[in-house]
Structure formats: structure tokens, C-alpha cells
Amino acid sequence: MKIYLNEQDVANAICVFVADLERIHPEEVQIEFLFNEDEGVSCLVKMYNRSFNYGEQQMSDAIGFFLDEVHRFSSHSMEIIIHFNEDEGITSEVSFTY
């Protein structure tokens, strides 16, 4: 089985993940996606007066957490791939192995 996440889904996953870590509401987290040909996909996470960068691994962790916590998929059986496309922006493909 595969699940495809659009850019808004990926942003929501990161907001939920950061909110859980920081014990705040997801609405208090802002995301700005970045793409660099040499470094790949990343995002700038902002909350209150703080900001920090998430690389692909942290973004994958956030997607796994989101699918596990919110949708009750087992994160132990996921393979998460993050893509960048000019038309669609940041997307993710999640494959499940059983």
C-alpha cells in the first residue's frame, strides 16, 4: 500500500510533530519549505521568536509521527520518500511493508 502526501499534508505533519515536541498547538508553528539542488529538501520551522531548520530526515520523522499518532499507521513499517517538483512543491510518498 502507498499513500501520497501533498505539500499541505507534509506541512501539517511537521506542524503536528513540532507542536508535540514543544508542547504547543500546531497552529503556533509556521513552515517555510526550501529546496537546494545540492542539499535537497528542507524546511524552516518558526514558532514564537525561534526558528530552526529541518532536513529530510527530520521531515521524514515528522511524517512518520503524524501517520502513526494521528492516523494510527505503524511507523515501523513505513518507507518515506520526500520529493520536490516545480508544479507540486514538496510531496511525500509513503510505502508500507507488512
PDB file of N, CA and C in Angstrom:
ATOM      1  N   MET A   1       0.840  -1.171   0.000  1.00  0.00           N
ATOM      2  CA  MET A   1       0.000   0.000   0.000  1.00  0.00           C
ATOM      3  C   MET A   1       0.889   1.240   0.000  1.00  0.00           C
ATOM      4  N   LYS A   2       0.445   2.280  -0.705  1.00  0.00           N
ATOM      5  CA  LYS A   2       1.161   3.556  -0.741  1.00  0.00           C
ATOM      6  C   LYS A   2       0.199   4.693  -0.434  1.00  0.00           C
ATOM      7  N   ILE A   3       0.738   5.704   0.211  1.00  0.00           N
ATOM      8  CA  ILE A   3      -0.003   6.931   0.492  1.00  0.00           C
ATOM      9  C   ILE A   3       0.817   8.081  -0.077  1.00  0.00           C
ATOM     10  N   TYR A   4       0.152   9.015  -0.712  1.00  0.00           N
ATOM     11  CA  TYR A   4       0.810  10.187  -1.260  1.00  0.00           C
ATOM     12  C   TYR A   4       0.359  11.419  -0.472  1.00  0.00           C
ATOM     13  N   LEU A   5       1.308  12.215  -0.019  1.00  0.00           N
ATOM     14  CA  LEU A   5       1.012  13.429   0.727  1.00  0.00           C
ATOM     15  C   LEU A   5       1.382  14.638  -0.121  1.00  0.00           C
ATOM     16  N   ASN A   6       0.462  15.593  -0.229  1.00  0.00           N
ATOM     17  CA  ASN A   6       0.783  16.827  -0.947  1.00  0.00           C
ATOM     18  C   ASN A   6       1.513  17.783  -0.008  1.00  0.00           C
ATOM     19  N   GLU A   7       1.865  18.949  -0.509  1.00  0.00           N
ATOM     20  CA  GLU A   7       2.657  19.889   0.283  1.00  0.00           C
ATOM     21  C   GLU A   7       1.948  20.296   1.573  1.00  0.00           C
ATOM     22  N   GLN A   8       0.642  20.508   1.515  1.00  0.00           N
ATOM     23  CA  GLN A   8      -0.093  20.892   2.727  1.00  0.00           C
ATOM     24  C   GLN A   8      -0.090  19.760   3.751  1.00  0.00           C
ATOM     25  N   ASP A   9      -0.217  18.515   3.286  1.00  0.00           N
ATOM     26  CA  ASP A   9      -0.160  17.366   4.198  1.00  0.00           C
ATOM     27  C   ASP A   9       1.202  17.274   4.880  1.00  0.00           C
ATOM     28  N   VAL A  10       2.271  17.501   4.124  1.00  0.00           N
ATOM     29  CA  VAL A  10       3.623  17.460   4.691  1.00  0.00           C
ATOM     30  C   VAL A  10       3.780  18.576   5.716  1.00  0.00           C
ATOM     31  N   ALA A  11       3.306  19.775   5.394  1.00  0.00           N
ATOM     32  CA  ALA A  11       3.374  20.900   6.336  1.00  0.00           C
ATOM     33  C   ALA A  11       2.589  20.585   7.607  1.00  0.00           C
ATOM     34  N   ASN A  12       1.401  20.018   7.464  1.00  0.00           N
ATOM     35  CA  ASN A  12       0.591  19.657   8.633  1.00  0.00           C
ATOM     36  C   ASN A  12       1.317  18.651   9.510  1.00  0.00           C
ATOM     37  N   ALA A  13       1.949  17.661   8.880  1.00  0.00           N
ATOM     38  CA  ALA A  13       2.681  16.645   9.625  1.00  0.00           C
ATOM     39  C   ALA A  13       3.802  17.279  10.439  1.00  0.00           C
ATOM     40  N   ILE A  14       4.536  18.191   9.839  1.00  0.00           N
ATOM     41  CA  ILE A  14       5.642  18.844  10.542  1.00  0.00           C
ATOM     42  C   ILE A  14       5.115  19.715  11.681  1.00  0.00           C
ATOM     43  N   CYS A  15       4.033  20.434  11.443  1.00  0.00           N
ATOM     44  CA  CYS A  15       3.444  21.272  12.494  1.00  0.00           C
ATOM     45  C   CYS A  15       2.981  20.435  13.681  1.00  0.00           C
ATOM     46  N   VAL A  16       2.335  19.312  13.420  1.00  0.00           N
ATOM     47  CA  VAL A  16       1.866  18.431  14.492  1.00  0.00           C
ATOM     48  C   VAL A  16       3.058  17.859  15.260  1.00  0.00           C
ATOM     49  N   PHE A  17       4.090  17.443  14.545  1.00  0.00           N
ATOM     50  CA  PHE A  17       5.288  16.879  15.164  1.00  0.00           C
ATOM     51  C   PHE A  17       5.981  17.901  16.068  1.00  0.00           C
ATOM     52  N   VAL A  18       6.222  19.107  15.553  1.00  0.00           N
ATOM     53  CA  VAL A  18       6.892  20.153  16.329  1.00  0.00           C
ATOM     54  C   VAL A  18       6.028  20.553  17.530  1.00  0.00           C
ATOM     55  N   ALA A  19       4.735  20.674  17.321  1.00  0.00           N
ATOM     56  CA  ALA A  19       3.828  21.036  18.415  1.00  0.00           C
ATOM     57  C   ALA A  19       3.888  20.004  19.537  1.00  0.00           C
ATOM     58  N   ASP A  20       3.953  18.735  19.177  1.00  0.00           N
ATOM     59  CA  ASP A  20       4.051  17.685  20.192  1.00  0.00           C
ATOM     60  C   ASP A  20       5.373  17.802  20.959  1.00  0.00           C
ATOM     61  N   LEU A  21       6.465  18.028  20.252  1.00  0.00           N
ATOM     62  CA  LEU A  21       7.775  18.165  20.903  1.00  0.00           C
ATOM     63  C   LEU A  21       7.845  19.379  21.829  1.00  0.00           C
ATOM     64  N   GLU A  22       7.259  20.483  21.385  1.00  0.00           N
ATOM     65  CA  GLU A  22       7.359  21.748  22.117  1.00  0.00           C
ATOM     66  C   GLU A  22       6.176  21.988  23.058  1.00  0.00           C
ATOM     67  N   ARG A  23       5.214  21.084  23.022  1.00  0.00           N
ATOM     68  CA  ARG A  23       4.005  21.196  23.860  1.00  0.00           C
ATOM     69  C   ARG A  23       3.248  22.505  23.601  1.00  0.00           C
ATOM     70  N   ILE A  24       3.025  22.762  22.319  1.00  0.00           N
ATOM     71  CA  ILE A  24       2.248  23.918  21.890  1.00  0.00           C
ATOM     72  C   ILE A  24       1.190  23.430  20.908  1.00  0.00           C
ATOM     73  N   HIS A  25       0.364  24.315  20.416  1.00  0.00           N
ATOM     74  CA  HIS A  25      -0.651  23.968  19.419  1.00  0.00           C
ATOM     75  C   HIS A  25      -0.035  23.991  18.021  1.00  0.00           C
ATOM     76  N   PRO A  26      -0.452  23.069  17.136  1.00  0.00           N
ATOM     77  CA  PRO A  26       0.091  23.059  15.766  1.00  0.00           C
ATOM     78  C   PRO A  26      -0.079  24.395  15.036  1.00  0.00           C
ATOM     79  N   GLU A  27      -1.121  25.134  15.368  1.00  0.00           N
ATOM     80  CA  GLU A  27      -1.381  26.419  14.727  1.00  0.00           C
ATOM     81  C   GLU A  27      -0.316  27.459  15.061  1.00  0.00           C
ATOM     82  N   GLU A  28       0.475  27.198  16.094  1.00  0.00           N
ATOM     83  CA  GLU A  28       1.517  28.131  16.515  1.00  0.00           C
ATOM     84  C   GLU A  28       2.844  27.907  15.780  1.00  0.00           C
ATOM     85  N   VAL A  29       2.865  26.919  14.892  1.00  0.00           N
ATOM     86  CA  VAL A  29       4.073  26.559  14.152  1.00  0.00           C
ATOM     87  C   VAL A  29       3.912  27.002  12.692  1.00  0.00           C
ATOM     88  N   GLN A  30       4.935  27.654  12.150  1.00  0.00           N
ATOM     89  CA  GLN A  30       4.932  28.052  10.744  1.00  0.00           C
ATOM     90  C   GLN A  30       6.051  27.314  10.028  1.00  0.00           C
ATOM     91  N   ILE A  31       5.791  26.954   8.781  1.00  0.00           N
ATOM     92  CA  ILE A  31       6.742  26.189   7.977  1.00  0.00           C
ATOM     93  C   ILE A  31       7.034  26.949   6.688  1.00  0.00           C
ATOM     94  N   GLU A  32       8.304  26.990   6.321  1.00  0.00           N
ATOM     95  CA  GLU A  32       8.701  27.516   5.011  1.00  0.00           C
ATOM     96  C   GLU A  32       9.589  26.465   4.351  1.00  0.00           C
ATOM     97  N   PHE A  33       9.110  25.889   3.261  1.00  0.00           N
ATOM     98  CA  PHE A  33       9.876  24.850   2.570  1.00  0.00           C
ATOM     99  C   PHE A  33      10.988  25.466   1.730  1.00  0.00           C
ATOM    100  N   LEU A  34      12.104  24.732   1.663  1.00  0.00           N
ATOM    101  CA  LEU A  34      13.264  25.176   0.904  1.00  0.00           C
ATOM    102  C   LEU A  34      13.741  24.020   0.027  1.00  0.00           C
ATOM    103  N   PHE A  35      14.277  24.368  -1.133  1.00  0.00           N
ATOM    104  CA  PHE A  35      14.884  23.349  -1.986  1.00  0.00           C
ATOM    105  C   PHE A  35      16.177  23.900  -2.549  1.00  0.00           C
ATOM    106  N   ASN A  36      17.226  23.099  -2.420  1.00  0.00           N
ATOM    107  CA  ASN A  36      18.528  23.440  -2.942  1.00  0.00           C
ATOM    108  C   ASN A  36      19.011  22.217  -3.709  1.00  0.00           C
ATOM    109  N   GLU A  37      19.458  22.410  -4.937  1.00  0.00           N
ATOM    110  CA  GLU A  37      19.869  21.264  -5.758  1.00  0.00           C
ATOM    111  C   GLU A  37      20.971  20.441  -5.117  1.00  0.00           C
ATOM    112  N   ASP A  38      21.869  21.087  -4.382  1.00  0.00           N
ATOM    113  CA  ASP A  38      22.974  20.371  -3.745  1.00  0.00           C
ATOM    114  C   ASP A  38      22.554  19.674  -2.451  1.00  0.00           C
ATOM    115  N   GLU A  39      21.690  20.329  -1.679  1.00  0.00           N
ATOM    116  CA  GLU A  39      21.327  19.813  -0.363  1.00  0.00           C
ATOM    117  C   GLU A  39      19.958  19.147  -0.318  1.00  0.00           C
ATOM    118  N   GLY A  40      19.145  19.330  -1.327  1.00  0.00           N
ATOM    119  CA  GLY A  40      17.826  18.713  -1.365  1.00  0.00           C
ATOM    120  C   GLY A  40      16.769  19.528  -0.655  1.00  0.00           C
ATOM    121  N   VAL A  41      15.799  18.833  -0.110  1.00  0.00           N
ATOM    122  CA  VAL A  41      14.633  19.436   0.512  1.00  0.00           C
ATOM    123  C   VAL A  41      14.914  19.698   1.990  1.00  0.00           C
ATOM    124  N   SER A  42      14.435  20.834   2.469  1.00  0.00           N
ATOM    125  CA  SER A  42      14.492  21.149   3.895  1.00  0.00           C
ATOM    126  C   SER A  42      13.349  22.115   4.191  1.00  0.00           C
ATOM    127  N   CYS A  43      13.211  22.473   5.448  1.00  0.00           N
ATOM    128  CA  CYS A  43      12.218  23.486   5.777  1.00  0.00           C
ATOM    129  C   CYS A  43      12.682  24.292   6.975  1.00  0.00           C
ATOM    130  N   LEU A  44      12.248  25.525   7.005  1.00  0.00           N
ATOM    131  CA  LEU A  44      12.490  26.418   8.119  1.00  0.00           C
ATOM    132  C   LEU A  44      11.252  26.360   9.002  1.00  0.00           C
ATOM    133  N   VAL A  45      11.441  25.993  10.255  1.00  0.00           N
ATOM    134  CA  VAL A  45      10.349  25.876  11.217  1.00  0.00           C
ATOM    135  C   VAL A  45      10.410  27.095  12.128  1.00  0.00           C
ATOM    136  N   LYS A  46       9.282  27.807  12.248  1.00  0.00           N
ATOM    137  CA  LYS A  46       9.234  29.004  13.077  1.00  0.00           C
ATOM    138  C   LYS A  46       8.120  28.860  14.108  1.00  0.00           C
ATOM    139  N   MET A  47       8.449  29.272  15.324  1.00  0.00           N
ATOM    140  CA  MET A  47       7.450  29.345  16.389  1.00  0.00           C
ATOM    141  C   MET A  47       7.903  30.390  17.375  1.00  0.00           C
ATOM    142  N   TYR A  48       6.976  31.218  17.785  1.00  0.00           N
ATOM    143  CA  TYR A  48       7.302  32.328  18.671  1.00  0.00           C
ATOM    144  C   TYR A  48       8.499  33.089  18.114  1.00  0.00           C
ATOM    145  N   ASN A  49       9.544  33.264  18.870  1.00  0.00           N
ATOM    146  CA  ASN A  49      10.725  34.005  18.387  1.00  0.00           C
ATOM    147  C   ASN A  49      11.867  33.073  18.036  1.00  0.00           C
ATOM    148  N   ARG A  50      11.556  31.821  17.790  1.00  0.00           N
ATOM    149  CA  ARG A  50      12.592  30.835  17.477  1.00  0.00           C
ATOM    150  C   ARG A  50      12.390  30.298  16.070  1.00  0.00           C
ATOM    151  N   SER A  51      13.504  29.917  15.452  1.00  0.00           N
ATOM    152  CA  SER A  51      13.411  29.243  14.158  1.00  0.00           C
ATOM    153  C   SER A  51      14.575  28.262  14.055  1.00  0.00           C
ATOM    154  N   PHE A  52      14.343  27.190  13.336  1.00  0.00           N
ATOM    155  CA  PHE A  52      15.382  26.190  13.116  1.00  0.00           C
ATOM    156  C   PHE A  52      15.089  25.446  11.832  1.00  0.00           C
ATOM    157  N   ASN A  53      16.101  24.772  11.293  1.00  0.00           N
ATOM    158  CA  ASN A  53      15.969  24.041  10.030  1.00  0.00           C
ATOM    159  C   ASN A  53      15.727  22.566  10.278  1.00  0.00           C
ATOM    160  N   TYR A  54      14.868  21.993   9.461  1.00  0.00           N
ATOM    161  CA  TYR A  54      14.658  20.551   9.429  1.00  0.00           C
ATOM    162  C   TYR A  54      15.155  20.053   8.082  1.00  0.00           C
ATOM    163  N   GLY A  55      16.009  19.056   8.096  1.00  0.00           N
ATOM    164  CA  GLY A  55      16.445  18.395   6.880  1.00  0.00           C
ATOM    165  C   GLY A  55      15.468  17.282   6.522  1.00  0.00           C
ATOM    166  N   GLU A  56      15.803  16.537   5.481  1.00  0.00           N
ATOM    167  CA  GLU A  56      14.906  15.466   5.025  1.00  0.00           C
ATOM    168  C   GLU A  56      14.646  14.417   6.097  1.00  0.00           C
ATOM    169  N   GLN A  57      15.646  14.087   6.911  1.00  0.00           N
ATOM    170  CA  GLN A  57      15.443  13.069   7.939  1.00  0.00           C
ATOM    171  C   GLN A  57      14.421  13.526   8.985  1.00  0.00           C
ATOM    172  N   GLN A  58      14.541  14.766   9.449  1.00  0.00           N
ATOM    173  CA  GLN A  58      13.579  15.279  10.425  1.00  0.00           C
ATOM    174  C   GLN A  58      12.188  15.395   9.811  1.00  0.00           C
ATOM    175  N   MET A  59      12.124  15.762   8.529  1.00  0.00           N
ATOM    176  CA  MET A  59      10.831  15.831   7.855  1.00  0.00           C
ATOM    177  C   MET A  59      10.214  14.438   7.754  1.00  0.00           C
ATOM    178  N   SER A  60      11.022  13.443   7.443  1.00  0.00           N
ATOM    179  CA  SER A  60      10.536  12.055   7.389  1.00  0.00           C
ATOM    180  C   SER A  60      10.064  11.590   8.759  1.00  0.00           C
ATOM    181  N   ASP A  61      10.820  11.938   9.789  1.00  0.00           N
ATOM    182  CA  ASP A  61      10.415  11.590  11.157  1.00  0.00           C
ATOM    183  C   ASP A  61       9.056  12.207  11.495  1.00  0.00           C
ATOM    184  N   ALA A  62       8.869  13.451  11.087  1.00  0.00           N
ATOM    185  CA  ALA A  62       7.602  14.149  11.345  1.00  0.00           C
ATOM    186  C   ALA A  62       6.445  13.475  10.618  1.00  0.00           C
ATOM    187  N   ILE A  63       6.657  13.081   9.368  1.00  0.00           N
ATOM    188  CA  ILE A  63       5.607  12.392   8.608  1.00  0.00           C
ATOM    189  C   ILE A  63       5.276  11.054   9.251  1.00  0.00           C
ATOM    190  N   GLY A  64       6.296  10.304   9.659  1.00  0.00           N
ATOM    191  CA  GLY A  64       6.069   9.029  10.336  1.00  0.00           C
ATOM    192  C   GLY A  64       5.297   9.211  11.628  1.00  0.00           C
ATOM    193  N   PHE A  65       5.674  10.210  12.420  1.00  0.00           N
ATOM    194  CA  PHE A  65       4.971  10.504  13.668  1.00  0.00           C
ATOM    195  C   PHE A  65       3.515  10.845  13.388  1.00  0.00           C
ATOM    196  N   PHE A  66       3.291  11.714  12.411  1.00  0.00           N
ATOM    197  CA  PHE A  66       1.944  12.158  12.056  1.00  0.00           C
ATOM    198  C   PHE A  66       1.063  10.978  11.644  1.00  0.00           C
ATOM    199  N   LEU A  67       1.577  10.128  10.769  1.00  0.00           N
ATOM    200  CA  LEU A  67       0.779   8.985  10.313  1.00  0.00           C
ATOM    201  C   LEU A  67       0.551   7.987  11.438  1.00  0.00           C
ATOM    202  N   ASP A  68       1.509   7.845  12.330  1.00  0.00           N
ATOM    203  CA  ASP A  68       1.394   6.938  13.467  1.00  0.00           C
ATOM    204  C   ASP A  68       0.418   7.488  14.510  1.00  0.00           C
ATOM    205  N   GLU A  69       0.638   8.714  14.952  1.00  0.00           N
ATOM    206  CA  GLU A  69      -0.155   9.311  16.027  1.00  0.00           C
ATOM    207  C   GLU A  69      -1.575   9.697  15.607  1.00  0.00           C
ATOM    208  N   VAL A  70      -1.689  10.341  14.474  1.00  0.00           N
ATOM    209  CA  VAL A  70      -2.987  10.882  14.053  1.00  0.00           C
ATOM    210  C   VAL A  70      -3.829   9.854  13.308  1.00  0.00           C
ATOM    211  N   HIS A  71      -3.194   9.075  12.432  1.00  0.00           N
ATOM    212  CA  HIS A  71      -3.941   8.142  11.588  1.00  0.00           C
ATOM    213  C   HIS A  71      -3.756   6.678  11.974  1.00  0.00           C
ATOM    214  N   ARG A  72      -2.940   6.418  12.989  1.00  0.00           N
ATOM    215  CA  ARG A  72      -2.740   5.079  13.552  1.00  0.00           C
ATOM    216  C   ARG A  72      -2.115   4.063  12.598  1.00  0.00           C
ATOM    217  N   PHE A  73      -1.290   4.534  11.673  1.00  0.00           N
ATOM    218  CA  PHE A  73      -0.481   3.634  10.861  1.00  0.00           C
ATOM    219  C   PHE A  73       0.778   3.301  11.655  1.00  0.00           C
ATOM    220  N   SER A  74       1.306   2.127  11.497  1.00  0.00           N
ATOM    221  CA  SER A  74       2.522   1.751  12.198  1.00  0.00           C
ATOM    222  C   SER A  74       3.733   2.366  11.513  1.00  0.00           C
ATOM    223  N   SER A  75       4.444   3.225  12.241  1.00  0.00           N
ATOM    224  CA  SER A  75       5.614   3.883  11.662  1.00  0.00           C
ATOM    225  C   SER A  75       6.772   2.915  11.464  1.00  0.00           C
ATOM    226  N   HIS A  76       6.694   1.733  12.075  1.00  0.00           N
ATOM    227  CA  HIS A  76       7.767   0.746  11.938  1.00  0.00           C
ATOM    228  C   HIS A  76       7.762   0.068  10.573  1.00  0.00           C
ATOM    229  N   SER A  77       6.653   0.179   9.857  1.00  0.00           N
ATOM    230  CA  SER A  77       6.568  -0.490   8.561  1.00  0.00           C
ATOM    231  C   SER A  77       6.534   0.495   7.390  1.00  0.00           C
ATOM    232  N   MET A  78       6.992   1.725   7.624  1.00  0.00           N
ATOM    233  CA  MET A  78       6.929   2.764   6.595  1.00  0.00           C
ATOM    234  C   MET A  78       8.279   3.010   5.938  1.00  0.00           C
ATOM    235  N   GLU A  79       8.209   3.274   4.641  1.00  0.00           N
ATOM    236  CA  GLU A  79       9.347   3.844   3.921  1.00  0.00           C
ATOM    237  C   GLU A  79       8.863   5.183   3.388  1.00  0.00           C
ATOM    238  N   ILE A  80       9.517   6.261   3.801  1.00  0.00           N
ATOM    239  CA  ILE A  80       9.071   7.612   3.474  1.00  0.00           C
ATOM    240  C   ILE A  80      10.070   8.256   2.528  1.00  0.00           C
ATOM    241  N   ILE A  81       9.565   8.703   1.380  1.00  0.00           N
ATOM    242  CA  ILE A  81      10.395   9.381   0.391  1.00  0.00           C
ATOM    243  C   ILE A  81       9.803  10.771   0.174  1.00  0.00           C
ATOM    244  N   ILE A  82      10.661  11.776   0.236  1.00  0.00           N
ATOM    245  CA  ILE A  82      10.228  13.161   0.038  1.00  0.00           C
ATOM    246  C   ILE A  82      10.721  13.629  -1.323  1.00  0.00           C
ATOM    247  N   HIS A  83       9.822  14.276  -2.059  1.00  0.00           N
ATOM    248  CA  HIS A  83      10.125  14.738  -3.414  1.00  0.00           C
ATOM    249  C   HIS A  83       9.939  16.251  -3.512  1.00  0.00           C
ATOM    250  N   PHE A  84      10.617  16.846  -4.484  1.00  0.00           N
ATOM    251  CA  PHE A  84      10.348  18.223  -4.867  1.00  0.00           C
ATOM    252  C   PHE A  84      10.026  18.246  -6.348  1.00  0.00           C
ATOM    253  N   ASN A  85       8.973  18.963  -6.685  1.00  0.00           N
ATOM    254  CA  ASN A  85       8.538  19.107  -8.065  1.00  0.00           C
ATOM    255  C   ASN A  85       8.134  20.563  -8.262  1.00  0.00           C
ATOM    256  N   GLU A  86       8.549  21.162  -9.359  1.00  0.00           N
ATOM    257  CA  GLU A  86       8.230  22.575  -9.623  1.00  0.00           C
ATOM    258  C   GLU A  86       6.732  22.856  -9.550  1.00  0.00           C
ATOM    259  N   ASP A  87       5.922  21.946 -10.061  1.00  0.00           N
ATOM    260  CA  ASP A  87       4.478  22.164 -10.108  1.00  0.00           C
ATOM    261  C   ASP A  87       3.788  21.865  -8.776  1.00  0.00           C
ATOM    262  N   GLU A  88       4.195  20.789  -8.117  1.00  0.00           N
ATOM    263  CA  GLU A  88       3.501  20.338  -6.911  1.00  0.00           C
ATOM    264  C   GLU A  88       4.190  20.763  -5.617  1.00  0.00           C
ATOM    265  N   GLY A  89       5.419  21.221  -5.697  1.00  0.00           N
ATOM    266  CA  GLY A  89       6.152  21.601  -4.493  1.00  0.00           C
ATOM    267  C   GLY A  89       6.704  20.376  -3.785  1.00  0.00           C
ATOM    268  N   ILE A  90       6.672  20.406  -2.465  1.00  0.00           N
ATOM    269  CA  ILE A  90       7.174  19.307  -1.643  1.00  0.00           C
ATOM    270  C   ILE A  90       6.063  18.280  -1.479  1.00  0.00           C
ATOM    271  N   THR A  91       6.357  17.023  -1.810  1.00  0.00           N
ATOM    272  CA  THR A  91       5.390  15.945  -1.637  1.00  0.00           C
ATOM    273  C   THR A  91       6.103  14.760  -0.994  1.00  0.00           C
ATOM    274  N   SER A  92       5.316  13.801  -0.565  1.00  0.00           N
ATOM    275  CA  SER A  92       5.899  12.616   0.039  1.00  0.00           C
ATOM    276  C   SER A  92       5.137  11.372  -0.420  1.00  0.00           C
ATOM    277  N   GLU A  93       5.889  10.318  -0.607  1.00  0.00           N
ATOM    278  CA  GLU A  93       5.333   9.018  -0.942  1.00  0.00           C
ATOM    279  C   GLU A  93       5.689   8.083   0.213  1.00  0.00           C
ATOM    280  N   VAL A  94       4.662   7.467   0.796  1.00  0.00           N
ATOM    281  CA  VAL A  94       4.867   6.569   1.937  1.00  0.00           C
ATOM    282  C   VAL A  94       4.446   5.158   1.516  1.00  0.00           C
ATOM    283  N   SER A  95       5.383   4.232   1.598  1.00  0.00           N
ATOM    284  CA  SER A  95       5.102   2.828   1.280  1.00  0.00           C
ATOM    285  C   SER A  95       5.087   2.041   2.586  1.00  0.00           C
ATOM    286  N   PHE A  96       4.218   1.059   2.642  1.00  0.00           N
ATOM    287  CA  PHE A  96       4.094   0.223   3.833  1.00  0.00           C
ATOM    288  C   PHE A  96       4.491  -1.195   3.488  1.00  0.00           C
ATOM    289  N   THR A  97       5.271  -1.788   4.353  1.00  0.00           N
ATOM    290  CA  THR A  97       5.654  -3.194   4.200  1.00  0.00           C
ATOM    291  C   THR A  97       5.074  -3.965   5.368  1.00  0.00           C
ATOM    292  N   TYR A  98       4.544  -5.113   5.074  1.00  0.00           N
ATOM    293  CA  TYR A  98       3.938  -5.931   6.132  1.00  0.00           C
ATOM    294  C   TYR A  98       4.590  -7.274   6.184  1.00  0.00           C
TER     295      TYR A  98
END
